[in-house]
Amino acid sequence: MKTELRLAPVKDSSFQLRARSKEANLAVGSEIYQIGGINKQGKRSRSVCVLDCRSHTQRRAPRMRVARECAKACLLDGSIYVMGGTRKCESWGEVFDLKSQTWKKELLPSPTGDGFDCKFQLLVLGAKIYVITEHNNKYAYDPKQGRWLLLEMGFTGLEWILEICGVWCVLDNLVFKEFSDDLFWYDVSCEKWVIVEGLEALCDTKFCCCYRMIQLVNYGGKLVIVWLVTPQPVLRRNKPPVIPEEKTCFAVIRLEKRLTSSGLAISGEIERLSFSLVHGSYTPLTCLSVLL
């Protein structure tokens, strides 16, 4: 098992996120798009900031047509789809063409034709964009047809990705999710979550400590699990307790598929496992995978 992964600080002070919250972040190649959010004035923003992870510089992209907060973003066929973050049903989504660096004139209506004021997640499977809501409703958007479809059947249980503090990602057209120390994948054929085999050692590593999941990331076809370990205070007699620094943990998982008599099975092998101390002035929130 290799342990080369570590946190490396970005020393260029110009490489900083804008002061916004509730924004959508999306990795595209070697760049990270920070879309919308709440600005310093407490208002929804139309701004788009692009961070170049190779040159450690940032630039402004054309502003969205609609101000948004807590929107979702995904990448499909050379375009960024931004959805939600506004109650205007006729402009619920919009599309950014990466090649021309322009927002398309046509806005996307909400899947239901109304304000769509509910919690949802956005994911890409195949050539379609899927919206999974907290009310267990599921919709598919086909860019070629330019319309939404209500899925009355299928994807039962996929709303599990909406749970609080839940982390998940799509890798090789499959949805993976961490839950209760274990890693699961969603089997579309039987509409069930199935455990990824062979990761008992990783489960034991997390079980023996107090931790908070940060993210699952598609890392060049492999799965990276990122979590934050909070050590217990060291009690000392007649002295203040010592508070150890938190550690960010990374596990790179190589996945293997195989067909069995009962269907598809997926097992995982830990290729790398590393721990990096986190300075007390930082709080890891999420992570993205970029090409360098």
C-alpha atoms as a PDB file:
ATOM      1  CA  MET A   1       0.000   0.000   0.000  1.00  0.00           C
ATOM      2  CA  LYS A   2       1.441   3.361  -1.054  1.00  0.00           C
ATOM      3  CA  THR A   3       1.152   6.505   1.059  1.00  0.00           C
ATOM      4  CA  GLU A   4       2.348   9.379  -1.177  1.00  0.00           C
ATOM      5  CA  LEU A   5      -0.795  11.507  -1.009  1.00  0.00           C
ATOM      6  CA  ARG A   6      -0.453  14.660   1.068  1.00  0.00           C
ATOM      7  CA  LEU A   7      -1.787  18.195   1.340  1.00  0.00           C
ATOM      8  CA  ALA A   8       0.321  20.833  -0.408  1.00  0.00           C
ATOM      9  CA  PRO A   9      -0.315  24.544   0.247  1.00  0.00           C
ATOM     10  CA  VAL A  10      -0.875  26.921  -2.653  1.00  0.00           C
ATOM     11  CA  LYS A  11       1.645  29.691  -1.995  1.00  0.00           C
ATOM     12  CA  ASP A  12       0.369  32.160  -4.597  1.00  0.00           C
ATOM     13  CA  SER A  13      -1.758  34.627  -2.639  1.00  0.00           C
ATOM     14  CA  SER A  14      -3.665  35.600  -5.798  1.00  0.00           C
ATOM     15  CA  PHE A  15      -5.149  32.121  -5.966  1.00  0.00           C
ATOM     16  CA  GLN A  16      -8.074  32.573  -3.604  1.00  0.00           C
ATOM     17  CA  LEU A  17     -11.786  31.970  -3.745  1.00  0.00           C
ATOM     18  CA  ARG A  18     -14.036  34.976  -3.867  1.00  0.00           C
ATOM     19  CA  ALA A  19     -15.862  35.846  -0.665  1.00  0.00           C
ATOM     20  CA  ARG A  20     -19.064  33.972  -1.423  1.00  0.00           C
ATOM     21  CA  SER A  21     -21.036  31.192   0.189  1.00  0.00           C
ATOM     22  CA  LYS A  22     -23.659  28.745  -1.061  1.00  0.00           C
ATOM     23  CA  GLU A  23     -21.998  28.645  -4.462  1.00  0.00           C
ATOM     24  CA  ALA A  24     -21.793  25.712  -6.886  1.00  0.00           C
ATOM     25  CA  ASN A  25     -18.285  24.369  -7.553  1.00  0.00           C
ATOM     26  CA  LEU A  26     -17.471  22.242 -10.584  1.00  0.00           C
ATOM     27  CA  ALA A  27     -14.149  20.851 -11.853  1.00  0.00           C
ATOM     28  CA  VAL A  28     -13.623  21.061 -15.618  1.00  0.00           C
ATOM     29  CA  GLY A  29     -10.235  19.752 -16.748  1.00  0.00           C
ATOM     30  CA  SER A  30      -7.597  21.746 -14.879  1.00  0.00           C
ATOM     31  CA  GLU A  31     -10.039  24.465 -13.834  1.00  0.00           C
ATOM     32  CA  ILE A  32     -12.622  24.929 -11.099  1.00  0.00           C
ATOM     33  CA  TYR A  33     -15.748  26.955 -11.808  1.00  0.00           C
ATOM     34  CA  GLN A  34     -17.267  28.752  -8.820  1.00  0.00           C
ATOM     35  CA  ILE A  35     -20.826  29.622  -9.798  1.00  0.00           C
ATOM     36  CA  GLY A  36     -23.265  31.994  -8.103  1.00  0.00           C
ATOM     37  CA  GLY A  37     -23.724  32.011  -4.338  1.00  0.00           C
ATOM     38  CA  ILE A  38     -24.235  34.768  -1.788  1.00  0.00           C
ATOM     39  CA  ASN A  39     -22.009  37.839  -2.123  1.00  0.00           C
ATOM     40  CA  LYS A  40     -20.730  40.182   0.600  1.00  0.00           C
ATOM     41  CA  GLN A  41     -23.946  42.176   0.440  1.00  0.00           C
ATOM     42  CA  GLY A  42     -25.980  39.073   1.276  1.00  0.00           C
ATOM     43  CA  LYS A  43     -27.583  38.894  -2.164  1.00  0.00           C
ATOM     44  CA  ARG A  44     -27.691  36.156  -4.764  1.00  0.00           C
ATOM     45  CA  SER A  45     -24.892  36.418  -7.283  1.00  0.00           C
ATOM     46  CA  ARG A  46     -24.650  35.953 -11.044  1.00  0.00           C
ATOM     47  CA  SER A  47     -20.847  35.865 -10.944  1.00  0.00           C
ATOM     48  CA  VAL A  48     -18.701  33.020 -12.226  1.00  0.00           C
ATOM     49  CA  CYS A  49     -15.075  32.765 -11.107  1.00  0.00           C
ATOM     50  CA  VAL A  50     -12.677  30.299 -12.754  1.00  0.00           C
ATOM     51  CA  LEU A  51      -9.620  29.002 -10.902  1.00  0.00           C
ATOM     52  CA  ASP A  52      -6.770  27.641 -13.028  1.00  0.00           C
ATOM     53  CA  CYS A  53      -5.087  24.947 -10.944  1.00  0.00           C
ATOM     54  CA  ARG A  54      -2.017  24.802 -13.205  1.00  0.00           C
ATOM     55  CA  SER A  55      -1.027  28.464 -13.170  1.00  0.00           C
ATOM     56  CA  HIS A  56      -2.655  29.225  -9.787  1.00  0.00           C
ATOM     57  CA  THR A  57      -4.487  32.173 -11.299  1.00  0.00           C
ATOM     58  CA  GLN A  58      -8.119  33.106 -11.546  1.00  0.00           C
ATOM     59  CA  ARG A  59     -10.300  34.876 -14.055  1.00  0.00           C
ATOM     60  CA  ARG A  60     -13.883  35.948 -14.407  1.00  0.00           C
ATOM     61  CA  ALA A  61     -16.178  34.132 -16.802  1.00  0.00           C
ATOM     62  CA  PRO A  62     -19.336  35.728 -18.256  1.00  0.00           C
ATOM     63  CA  ARG A  63     -22.020  36.238 -15.630  1.00  0.00           C
ATOM     64  CA  MET A  64     -25.092  34.034 -15.509  1.00  0.00           C
ATOM     65  CA  ARG A  65     -28.394  35.368 -16.772  1.00  0.00           C
ATOM     66  CA  VAL A  66     -30.012  34.641 -13.395  1.00  0.00           C
ATOM     67  CA  ALA A  67     -28.653  35.204  -9.872  1.00  0.00           C
ATOM     68  CA  ARG A  68     -28.497  31.915  -7.942  1.00  0.00           C
ATOM     69  CA  GLU A  69     -27.660  30.491  -4.529  1.00  0.00           C
ATOM     70  CA  CYS A  70     -27.303  26.816  -3.575  1.00  0.00           C
ATOM     71  CA  ALA A  71     -27.576  25.842  -7.237  1.00  0.00           C
ATOM     72  CA  LYS A  72     -26.285  22.538  -8.596  1.00  0.00           C
ATOM     73  CA  ALA A  73     -23.923  22.204 -11.553  1.00  0.00           C
ATOM     74  CA  CYS A  74     -22.862  19.327 -13.778  1.00  0.00           C
ATOM     75  CA  LEU A  75     -20.830  18.762 -16.931  1.00  0.00           C
ATOM     76  CA  LEU A  76     -22.196  17.065 -20.050  1.00  0.00           C
ATOM     77  CA  ASP A  77     -20.929  17.106 -23.649  1.00  0.00           C
ATOM     78  CA  GLY A  78     -18.829  20.246 -23.370  1.00  0.00           C
ATOM     79  CA  SER A  79     -21.410  22.312 -21.511  1.00  0.00           C
ATOM     80  CA  ILE A  80     -21.989  23.254 -17.879  1.00  0.00           C
ATOM     81  CA  TYR A  81     -25.597  22.879 -16.745  1.00  0.00           C
ATOM     82  CA  VAL A  82     -26.540  25.022 -13.745  1.00  0.00           C
ATOM     83  CA  MET A  83     -29.892  24.293 -12.147  1.00  0.00           C
ATOM     84  CA  GLY A  84     -31.832  25.582  -9.172  1.00  0.00           C
ATOM     85  CA  GLY A  85     -30.914  28.402  -6.862  1.00  0.00           C
ATOM     86  CA  THR A  86     -33.894  30.504  -7.960  1.00  0.00           C
ATOM     87  CA  ARG A  87     -37.666  30.272  -7.579  1.00  0.00           C
ATOM     88  CA  LYS A  88     -38.314  31.480 -11.109  1.00  0.00           C
ATOM     89  CA  CYS A  89     -39.761  28.413 -12.798  1.00  0.00           C
ATOM     90  CA  GLU A  90     -39.135  29.680 -16.337  1.00  0.00           C
ATOM     91  CA  SER A  91     -35.408  30.236 -15.685  1.00  0.00           C
ATOM     92  CA  TRP A  92     -34.676  27.358 -13.315  1.00  0.00           C
ATOM     93  CA  GLY A  93     -31.638  26.259 -15.326  1.00  0.00           C
ATOM     94  CA  GLU A  94     -29.157  27.624 -17.828  1.00  0.00           C
ATOM     95  CA  VAL A  95     -26.326  26.261 -19.972  1.00  0.00           C
ATOM     96  CA  PHE A  96     -22.748  27.499 -20.411  1.00  0.00           C
ATOM     97  CA  ASP A  97     -20.866  26.492 -23.563  1.00  0.00           C
ATOM     98  CA  LEU A  98     -17.241  25.877 -22.620  1.00  0.00           C
ATOM     99  CA  LYS A  99     -15.819  26.251 -26.124  1.00  0.00           C
ATOM    100  CA  SER A 100     -17.344  29.657 -26.827  1.00  0.00           C
ATOM    101  CA  GLN A 101     -17.372  30.675 -23.142  1.00  0.00           C
ATOM    102  CA  THR A 102     -20.921  31.993 -23.466  1.00  0.00           C
ATOM    103  CA  TRP A 103     -24.257  31.350 -21.791  1.00  0.00           C
ATOM    104  CA  LYS A 104     -26.918  30.061 -24.145  1.00  0.00           C
ATOM    105  CA  LYS A 105     -29.900  32.337 -24.669  1.00  0.00           C
ATOM    106  CA  GLU A 106     -32.442  29.616 -23.965  1.00  0.00           C
ATOM    107  CA  LEU A 107     -33.185  29.137 -20.263  1.00  0.00           C
ATOM    108  CA  LEU A 108     -34.388  25.798 -18.907  1.00  0.00           C
ATOM    109  CA  PRO A 109     -37.731  25.615 -17.093  1.00  0.00           C
ATOM    110  CA  SER A 110     -38.102  23.634 -13.890  1.00  0.00           C
ATOM    111  CA  PRO A 111     -39.039  19.945 -14.244  1.00  0.00           C
ATOM    112  CA  THR A 112     -42.496  20.585 -12.776  1.00  0.00           C
ATOM    113  CA  GLY A 113     -43.222  23.949 -14.368  1.00  0.00           C
ATOM    114  CA  ASP A 114     -43.434  25.671 -10.972  1.00  0.00           C
ATOM    115  CA  GLY A 115     -40.966  27.116  -8.481  1.00  0.00           C
ATOM    116  CA  PHE A 116     -39.566  23.682  -7.583  1.00  0.00           C
ATOM    117  CA  ASP A 117     -38.833  24.785  -4.028  1.00  0.00           C
ATOM    118  CA  CYS A 118     -37.414  21.554  -2.619  1.00  0.00           C
ATOM    119  CA  LYS A 119     -34.100  19.930  -1.863  1.00  0.00           C
ATOM    120  CA  PHE A 120     -32.608  18.055  -4.803  1.00  0.00           C
ATOM    121  CA  GLN A 121     -29.439  16.571  -6.263  1.00  0.00           C
ATOM    122  CA  LEU A 122     -28.158  16.594  -9.816  1.00  0.00           C
ATOM    123  CA  LEU A 123     -26.251  13.773 -11.483  1.00  0.00           C
ATOM    124  CA  VAL A 124     -25.235  12.701 -14.974  1.00  0.00           C
ATOM    125  CA  LEU A 125     -25.730   9.112 -16.085  1.00  0.00           C
ATOM    126  CA  GLY A 126     -25.098   8.341 -19.726  1.00  0.00           C
ATOM    127  CA  ALA A 127     -26.315  11.161 -21.957  1.00  0.00           C
ATOM    128  CA  LYS A 128     -28.975  12.460 -19.562  1.00  0.00           C
ATOM    129  CA  ILE A 129     -29.147  14.680 -16.511  1.00  0.00           C
ATOM    130  CA  TYR A 130     -31.148  13.353 -13.571  1.00  0.00           C
ATOM    131  CA  VAL A 131     -32.771  15.365 -10.803  1.00  0.00           C
ATOM    132  CA  ILE A 132     -33.523  13.482  -7.573  1.00  0.00           C
ATOM    133  CA  THR A 133     -35.741  15.314  -5.079  1.00  0.00           C
ATOM    134  CA  GLU A 134     -36.355  14.952  -1.360  1.00  0.00           C
ATOM    135  CA  HIS A 135     -39.958  14.011  -2.159  1.00  0.00           C
ATOM    136  CA  ASN A 136     -38.720  10.902  -3.971  1.00  0.00           C
ATOM    137  CA  ASN A 137     -39.572  12.373  -7.367  1.00  0.00           C
ATOM    138  CA  LYS A 138     -37.128  11.752 -10.193  1.00  0.00           C
ATOM    139  CA  TYR A 139     -36.764  13.608 -13.470  1.00  0.00           C
ATOM    140  CA  ALA A 140     -34.534  13.165 -16.502  1.00  0.00           C
ATOM    141  CA  TYR A 141     -33.436  15.900 -18.893  1.00  0.00           C
ATOM    142  CA  ASP A 142     -32.386  14.944 -22.407  1.00  0.00           C
ATOM    143  CA  PRO A 143     -30.367  17.805 -23.960  1.00  0.00           C
ATOM    144  CA  LYS A 144     -31.029  16.493 -27.461  1.00  0.00           C
ATOM    145  CA  GLN A 145     -34.797  16.588 -26.954  1.00  0.00           C
ATOM    146  CA  GLY A 146     -34.639  19.691 -24.763  1.00  0.00           C
ATOM    147  CA  ARG A 147     -37.325  18.581 -22.327  1.00  0.00           C
ATOM    148  CA  TRP A 148     -37.881  17.032 -18.915  1.00  0.00           C
ATOM    149  CA  LEU A 149     -39.327  13.582 -18.321  1.00  0.00           C
ATOM    150  CA  LEU A 150     -40.938  12.447 -15.065  1.00  0.00           C
ATOM    151  CA  LEU A 151     -39.629   8.988 -14.198  1.00  0.00           C
ATOM    152  CA  GLU A 152     -42.578   7.119 -12.746  1.00  0.00           C
ATOM    153  CA  MET A 153     -40.581   3.916 -12.382  1.00  0.00           C
ATOM    154  CA  GLY A 154     -36.960   3.074 -11.607  1.00  0.00           C
ATOM    155  CA  PHE A 155     -34.184   4.451  -9.418  1.00  0.00           C
ATOM    156  CA  THR A 156     -35.948   3.460  -6.192  1.00  0.00           C
ATOM    157  CA  GLY A 157     -33.742   4.312  -3.218  1.00  0.00           C
ATOM    158  CA  LEU A 158     -31.498   6.696  -5.133  1.00  0.00           C
ATOM    159  CA  GLU A 159     -32.848   9.567  -3.009  1.00  0.00           C
ATOM    160  CA  TRP A 160     -30.476   8.213  -0.351  1.00  0.00           C
ATOM    161  CA  ILE A 161     -27.845  10.595  -1.758  1.00  0.00           C
ATOM    162  CA  LEU A 162     -29.903  13.475  -0.343  1.00  0.00           C
ATOM    163  CA  GLU A 163     -29.361  12.590   3.297  1.00  0.00           C
ATOM    164  CA  ILE A 164     -27.691  15.150   5.533  1.00  0.00           C
ATOM    165  CA  CYS A 165     -23.882  14.960   5.501  1.00  0.00           C
ATOM    166  CA  GLY A 166     -24.078  12.265   2.844  1.00  0.00           C
ATOM    167  CA  VAL A 167     -21.242  12.090   0.328  1.00  0.00           C
ATOM    168  CA  TRP A 168     -21.452  10.432  -3.067  1.00  0.00           C
ATOM    169  CA  CYS A 169     -20.089  10.600  -6.602  1.00  0.00           C
ATOM    170  CA  VAL A 170     -20.551   9.119 -10.067  1.00  0.00           C
ATOM    171  CA  LEU A 171     -17.751   6.968 -11.437  1.00  0.00           C
ATOM    172  CA  ASP A 172     -17.937   4.952 -14.651  1.00  0.00           C
ATOM    173  CA  ASN A 173     -21.679   5.626 -14.884  1.00  0.00           C
ATOM    174  CA  LEU A 174     -22.294   4.192 -11.409  1.00  0.00           C
ATOM    175  CA  VAL A 175     -23.306   6.046  -8.245  1.00  0.00           C
ATOM    176  CA  PHE A 176     -21.176   5.416  -5.142  1.00  0.00           C
ATOM    177  CA  LYS A 177     -22.012   6.490  -1.607  1.00  0.00           C
ATOM    178  CA  GLU A 178     -20.487   6.245   1.856  1.00  0.00           C
ATOM    179  CA  PHE A 179     -22.767   5.297   4.713  1.00  0.00           C
ATOM    180  CA  SER A 180     -22.080   4.120   8.253  1.00  0.00           C
ATOM    181  CA  ASP A 181     -18.351   3.440   7.614  1.00  0.00           C
ATOM    182  CA  ASP A 182     -19.041   1.347   4.488  1.00  0.00           C
ATOM    183  CA  LEU A 183     -18.956   2.122   0.765  1.00  0.00           C
ATOM    184  CA  PHE A 184     -21.962   1.266  -1.402  1.00  0.00           C
ATOM    185  CA  TRP A 185     -22.812   1.411  -5.103  1.00  0.00           C
ATOM    186  CA  TYR A 186     -26.261   1.677  -6.666  1.00  0.00           C
ATOM    187  CA  ASP A 187     -27.350  -1.275  -8.810  1.00  0.00           C
ATOM    188  CA  VAL A 188     -29.846   0.085 -11.348  1.00  0.00           C
ATOM    189  CA  SER A 189     -30.919  -3.407 -12.424  1.00  0.00           C
ATOM    190  CA  CYS A 190     -32.369  -4.308  -9.010  1.00  0.00           C
ATOM    191  CA  GLU A 191     -32.715  -0.733  -7.646  1.00  0.00           C
ATOM    192  CA  LYS A 192     -30.707  -1.503  -4.522  1.00  0.00           C
ATOM    193  CA  TRP A 193     -27.590  -0.225  -2.802  1.00  0.00           C
ATOM    194  CA  VAL A 194     -24.897  -2.917  -2.713  1.00  0.00           C
ATOM    195  CA  ILE A 195     -21.818  -2.860  -0.513  1.00  0.00           C
ATOM    196  CA  VAL A 196     -18.384  -2.630  -2.161  1.00  0.00           C
ATOM    197  CA  GLU A 197     -16.520  -5.748  -1.074  1.00  0.00           C
ATOM    198  CA  GLY A 198     -12.974  -5.977   0.240  1.00  0.00           C
ATOM    199  CA  LEU A 199     -12.787  -2.720   2.202  1.00  0.00           C
ATOM    200  CA  GLU A 200     -13.099  -4.097   5.719  1.00  0.00           C
ATOM    201  CA  ALA A 201      -9.709  -2.638   6.718  1.00  0.00           C
ATOM    202  CA  LEU A 202     -10.830   0.838   5.682  1.00  0.00           C
ATOM    203  CA  CYS A 203     -14.054   0.420   7.618  1.00  0.00           C
ATOM    204  CA  ASP A 204     -12.068  -0.515  10.731  1.00  0.00           C
ATOM    205  CA  THR A 205      -9.817   2.541  10.280  1.00  0.00           C
ATOM    206  CA  LYS A 206     -12.775   4.921  10.363  1.00  0.00           C
ATOM    207  CA  PHE A 207     -14.687   2.984  13.016  1.00  0.00           C
ATOM    208  CA  CYS A 208     -11.930   3.483  15.585  1.00  0.00           C
ATOM    209  CA  CYS A 209     -12.027   7.284  15.540  1.00  0.00           C
ATOM    210  CA  CYS A 210     -14.308  10.305  15.523  1.00  0.00           C
ATOM    211  CA  TYR A 211     -14.541  11.528  11.944  1.00  0.00           C
ATOM    212  CA  ARG A 212     -16.556  13.575   9.472  1.00  0.00           C
ATOM    213  CA  MET A 213     -16.879  12.619   5.826  1.00  0.00           C
ATOM    214  CA  ILE A 214     -15.811  15.310   3.374  1.00  0.00           C
ATOM    215  CA  GLN A 215     -16.227  13.871  -0.114  1.00  0.00           C
ATOM    216  CA  LEU A 216     -16.005  10.995  -2.564  1.00  0.00           C
ATOM    217  CA  VAL A 217     -14.070  11.945  -5.702  1.00  0.00           C
ATOM    218  CA  ASN A 218     -13.593  10.401  -9.132  1.00  0.00           C
ATOM    219  CA  TYR A 219      -9.798  10.405  -9.366  1.00  0.00           C
ATOM    220  CA  GLY A 220      -8.882   9.341 -12.885  1.00  0.00           C
ATOM    221  CA  GLY A 221     -11.137   6.295 -12.802  1.00  0.00           C
ATOM    222  CA  LYS A 222     -10.319   5.478  -9.205  1.00  0.00           C
ATOM    223  CA  LEU A 223     -12.309   6.471  -6.145  1.00  0.00           C
ATOM    224  CA  VAL A 224     -10.836   8.753  -3.497  1.00  0.00           C
ATOM    225  CA  ILE A 225     -12.486   8.855  -0.093  1.00  0.00           C
ATOM    226  CA  VAL A 226     -11.704  11.971   1.949  1.00  0.00           C
ATOM    227  CA  TRP A 227     -12.611  12.338   5.613  1.00  0.00           C
ATOM    228  CA  LEU A 228     -11.581  14.474   8.582  1.00  0.00           C
ATOM    229  CA  VAL A 229     -10.455  12.866  11.839  1.00  0.00           C
ATOM    230  CA  THR A 230     -10.955  14.799  15.075  1.00  0.00           C
ATOM    231  CA  PRO A 231      -8.714  13.315  17.798  1.00  0.00           C
ATOM    232  CA  GLN A 232      -9.975  13.191  21.348  1.00  0.00           C
ATOM    233  CA  PRO A 233      -8.540  15.819  23.751  1.00  0.00           C
ATOM    234  CA  VAL A 234      -5.633  14.623  25.882  1.00  0.00           C
ATOM    235  CA  LEU A 235      -6.595  15.149  29.519  1.00  0.00           C
ATOM    236  CA  ARG A 236      -3.883  16.243  31.957  1.00  0.00           C
ATOM    237  CA  ARG A 237      -4.088  16.452  35.711  1.00  0.00           C
ATOM    238  CA  ASN A 238      -4.352  20.054  36.949  1.00  0.00           C
ATOM    239  CA  LYS A 239      -3.609  21.341  33.444  1.00  0.00           C
ATOM    240  CA  PRO A 240      -5.739  22.347  30.463  1.00  0.00           C
ATOM    241  CA  PRO A 241      -6.363  19.506  28.037  1.00  0.00           C
ATOM    242  CA  VAL A 242      -4.230  19.255  24.921  1.00  0.00           C
ATOM    243  CA  ILE A 243      -6.278  19.531  21.725  1.00  0.00           C
ATOM    244  CA  PRO A 244      -4.508  17.588  18.948  1.00  0.00           C
ATOM    245  CA  GLU A 245      -4.706  18.912  15.397  1.00  0.00           C
ATOM    246  CA  GLU A 246      -7.267  17.409  13.074  1.00  0.00           C
ATOM    247  CA  LYS A 247      -6.136  15.126  10.269  1.00  0.00           C
ATOM    248  CA  THR A 248      -7.419  14.937   6.719  1.00  0.00           C
ATOM    249  CA  CYS A 249      -7.393  11.355   5.509  1.00  0.00           C
ATOM    250  CA  PHE A 250      -7.240  10.149   1.922  1.00  0.00           C
ATOM    251  CA  ALA A 251      -7.886   6.648   0.624  1.00  0.00           C
ATOM    252  CA  VAL A 252      -7.430   5.828  -3.067  1.00  0.00           C
ATOM    253  CA  ILE A 253      -9.560   2.849  -4.019  1.00  0.00           C
ATOM    254  CA  ARG A 254      -9.098   0.766  -7.150  1.00  0.00           C
ATOM    255  CA  LEU A 255     -12.410  -0.794  -8.113  1.00  0.00           C
ATOM    256  CA  GLU A 256     -12.886  -4.111  -9.882  1.00  0.00           C
ATOM    257  CA  LYS A 257     -16.099  -5.342 -11.475  1.00  0.00           C
ATOM    258  CA  ARG A 258     -16.990  -8.966 -12.019  1.00  0.00           C
ATOM    259  CA  LEU A 259     -20.058 -10.848 -13.155  1.00  0.00           C
ATOM    260  CA  THR A 260     -21.430 -13.488 -10.807  1.00  0.00           C
ATOM    261  CA  SER A 261     -24.390 -15.830 -10.977  1.00  0.00           C
ATOM    262  CA  SER A 262     -26.450 -13.221  -9.114  1.00  0.00           C
ATOM    263  CA  GLY A 263     -25.322 -10.273 -11.229  1.00  0.00           C
ATOM    264  CA  LEU A 264     -22.642  -7.588 -11.078  1.00  0.00           C
ATOM    265  CA  ALA A 265     -20.360  -7.406  -8.045  1.00  0.00           C
ATOM    266  CA  ILE A 266     -17.807  -4.704  -7.248  1.00  0.00           C
ATOM    267  CA  SER A 267     -14.807  -5.050  -4.971  1.00  0.00           C
ATOM    268  CA  GLY A 268     -12.290  -2.447  -3.893  1.00  0.00           C
ATOM    269  CA  GLU A 269      -8.594  -2.442  -3.096  1.00  0.00           C
ATOM    270  CA  ILE A 270      -6.880   0.291  -1.085  1.00  0.00           C
ATOM    271  CA  GLU A 271      -3.974   1.525  -3.195  1.00  0.00           C
ATOM    272  CA  ARG A 272      -3.006   4.492  -1.036  1.00  0.00           C
ATOM    273  CA  LEU A 273      -3.863   5.646   2.456  1.00  0.00           C
ATOM    274  CA  SER A 274      -2.478   8.846   3.932  1.00  0.00           C
ATOM    275  CA  PHE A 275      -3.071  11.310   6.761  1.00  0.00           C
ATOM    276  CA  SER A 276      -2.239  15.030   6.698  1.00  0.00           C
ATOM    277  CA  LEU A 277      -2.464  17.430   9.618  1.00  0.00           C
ATOM    278  CA  VAL A 278      -4.885  20.323   9.198  1.00  0.00           C
ATOM    279  CA  HIS A 279      -3.869  23.734  10.499  1.00  0.00           C
ATOM    280  CA  GLY A 280      -6.279  25.037  13.101  1.00  0.00           C
ATOM    281  CA  SER A 281      -7.182  28.061  10.968  1.00  0.00           C
ATOM    282  CA  TYR A 282      -8.604  25.863   8.199  1.00  0.00           C
ATOM    283  CA  THR A 283     -11.816  23.864   8.015  1.00  0.00           C
ATOM    284  CA  PRO A 284     -11.964  21.389   5.105  1.00  0.00           C
ATOM    285  CA  LEU A 285     -15.400  21.565   3.485  1.00  0.00           C
ATOM    286  CA  THR A 286     -15.194  19.689   0.193  1.00  0.00           C
ATOM    287  CA  CYS A 287     -12.748  18.675  -2.527  1.00  0.00           C
ATOM    288  CA  LEU A 288     -12.613  18.360  -6.299  1.00  0.00           C
ATOM    289  CA  SER A 289     -10.449  16.379  -8.714  1.00  0.00           C
ATOM    290  CA  VAL A 290      -8.722  18.316 -11.518  1.00  0.00           C
ATOM    291  CA  LEU A 291      -6.330  17.396 -14.341  1.00  0.00           C
ATOM    292  CA  LEU A 292      -2.783  18.774 -14.023  1.00  0.00           C
END
